[in-house]
Structure formats: C-alpha cells, structure tokens
Amino acid sequence: MFNLPAETFWWLVPWPFIWVGLALVLYVKLKREDEKENDR
C-alpha cells in the first residue's frame, strides 16, 4: 500500500485510533468534572 515498507505502514496505521481513543478519554473525564462543578 502506497509503496511503503510493511514496517513503516504498521507504524503509521495505529496513530489515528490512538488519538481518537485519547480524545474520547479526555472528553469523558472533562465532561464528568464539568458535571460535578455544575452540581455544586
């Protein structure tokens, strides 16, 4: 695929999923903190 060596391909593939996962974790964490602030 894209004429890349397999190793390079496997280094590049997981990053979008890692960033999406990190974004979801931060979103949920900050949303919970926001809800706690609003309850006070």
N, C-alpha and C. Protein backbone atom coordinates (compact mmCIF):
# COMPACT_ATOMS: atom_id res chain seq x y z
N MET A 1 0.85 -1.20 0.00
CA MET A 1 0.00 0.00 0.00
C MET A 1 0.89 1.25 0.00
N PHE A 2 0.65 2.17 -0.90
CA PHE A 2 1.43 3.41 -1.06
C PHE A 2 2.91 3.14 -1.28
N ASN A 3 3.26 1.88 -1.62
CA ASN A 3 4.65 1.52 -1.87
C ASN A 3 5.56 1.75 -0.66
N LEU A 4 5.00 1.64 0.55
CA LEU A 4 5.79 1.78 1.77
C LEU A 4 6.24 0.40 2.24
N PRO A 5 7.38 0.36 2.94
CA PRO A 5 7.75 -0.91 3.58
C PRO A 5 6.70 -1.28 4.64
N ALA A 6 6.51 -2.56 4.86
CA ALA A 6 5.47 -3.02 5.78
C ALA A 6 5.67 -2.44 7.19
N GLU A 7 6.91 -2.36 7.64
CA GLU A 7 7.17 -1.86 8.99
C GLU A 7 6.70 -0.41 9.13
N THR A 8 7.01 0.41 8.14
CA THR A 8 6.57 1.81 8.16
C THR A 8 5.05 1.88 8.17
N PHE A 9 4.42 1.06 7.35
CA PHE A 9 2.96 1.03 7.28
C PHE A 9 2.37 0.74 8.65
N TRP A 10 2.92 -0.26 9.36
CA TRP A 10 2.36 -0.62 10.67
C TRP A 10 2.70 0.40 11.75
N TRP A 11 3.74 1.23 11.54
CA TRP A 11 4.00 2.32 12.48
C TRP A 11 2.98 3.45 12.29
N LEU A 12 2.52 3.65 11.05
CA LEU A 12 1.61 4.77 10.77
C LEU A 12 0.14 4.44 11.03
N VAL A 13 -0.25 3.18 10.82
CA VAL A 13 -1.67 2.81 10.88
C VAL A 13 -2.33 3.07 12.24
N PRO A 14 -1.71 2.69 13.38
CA PRO A 14 -2.45 2.80 14.65
C PRO A 14 -2.67 4.22 15.16
N TRP A 15 -1.88 5.19 14.68
CA TRP A 15 -1.95 6.53 15.28
C TRP A 15 -3.32 7.18 15.27
N PRO A 16 -4.06 7.16 14.17
CA PRO A 16 -5.40 7.80 14.23
C PRO A 16 -6.28 7.18 15.30
N PHE A 17 -6.20 5.85 15.49
CA PHE A 17 -7.03 5.20 16.50
C PHE A 17 -6.57 5.60 17.91
N ILE A 18 -5.26 5.73 18.10
CA ILE A 18 -4.73 6.15 19.41
C ILE A 18 -5.22 7.55 19.74
N TRP A 19 -5.17 8.48 18.78
CA TRP A 19 -5.61 9.85 19.02
C TRP A 19 -7.10 9.92 19.30
N VAL A 20 -7.88 9.14 18.55
CA VAL A 20 -9.34 9.13 18.78
C VAL A 20 -9.64 8.59 20.17
N GLY A 21 -8.94 7.53 20.57
CA GLY A 21 -9.14 6.96 21.91
C GLY A 21 -8.77 7.95 23.00
N LEU A 22 -7.64 8.63 22.82
CA LEU A 22 -7.20 9.62 23.79
C LEU A 22 -8.21 10.76 23.89
N ALA A 23 -8.71 11.21 22.75
CA ALA A 23 -9.70 12.29 22.74
C ALA A 23 -10.98 11.87 23.48
N LEU A 24 -11.42 10.62 23.26
CA LEU A 24 -12.63 10.15 23.94
C LEU A 24 -12.43 10.09 25.45
N VAL A 25 -11.26 9.60 25.88
CA VAL A 25 -10.98 9.51 27.32
C VAL A 25 -10.99 10.90 27.95
N LEU A 26 -10.32 11.85 27.30
CA LEU A 26 -10.27 13.22 27.84
C LEU A 26 -11.66 13.85 27.84
N TYR A 27 -12.44 13.61 26.78
CA TYR A 27 -13.79 14.17 26.69
C TYR A 27 -14.64 13.69 27.85
N VAL A 28 -14.62 12.36 28.11
CA VAL A 28 -15.43 11.79 29.18
C VAL A 28 -14.96 12.32 30.53
N LYS A 29 -13.65 12.37 30.73
CA LYS A 29 -13.10 12.84 32.00
C LYS A 29 -13.50 14.29 32.27
N LEU A 30 -13.32 15.15 31.27
CA LEU A 30 -13.64 16.56 31.45
C LEU A 30 -15.14 16.78 31.58
N LYS A 31 -15.93 15.97 30.89
CA LYS A 31 -17.39 16.09 30.99
C LYS A 31 -17.84 15.76 32.41
N ARG A 32 -17.25 14.70 32.99
CA ARG A 32 -17.60 14.34 34.38
C ARG A 32 -17.24 15.47 35.33
N GLU A 33 -16.04 16.05 35.17
CA GLU A 33 -15.62 17.14 36.04
C GLU A 33 -16.54 18.34 35.89
N ASP A 34 -16.97 18.61 34.66
CA ASP A 34 -17.89 19.71 34.38
C ASP A 34 -19.22 19.48 35.11
N GLU A 35 -19.72 18.25 35.05
CA GLU A 35 -20.99 17.95 35.69
C GLU A 35 -20.89 18.10 37.20
N LYS A 36 -19.73 17.71 37.77
CA LYS A 36 -19.53 17.87 39.21
C LYS A 36 -19.56 19.36 39.58
N GLU A 37 -18.91 20.18 38.76
CA GLU A 37 -18.87 21.63 39.01
C GLU A 37 -20.28 22.20 38.98
N ASN A 38 -21.09 21.76 38.02
CA ASN A 38 -22.44 22.31 37.87
C ASN A 38 -23.37 21.87 39.00
N ASP A 39 -23.08 20.71 39.60
CA ASP A 39 -23.94 20.20 40.68
C ASP A 39 -23.74 20.98 41.98
N ARG A 40 -22.59 21.59 42.14
CA ARG A 40 -22.30 22.32 43.39
C ARG A 40 -23.15 23.56 43.52
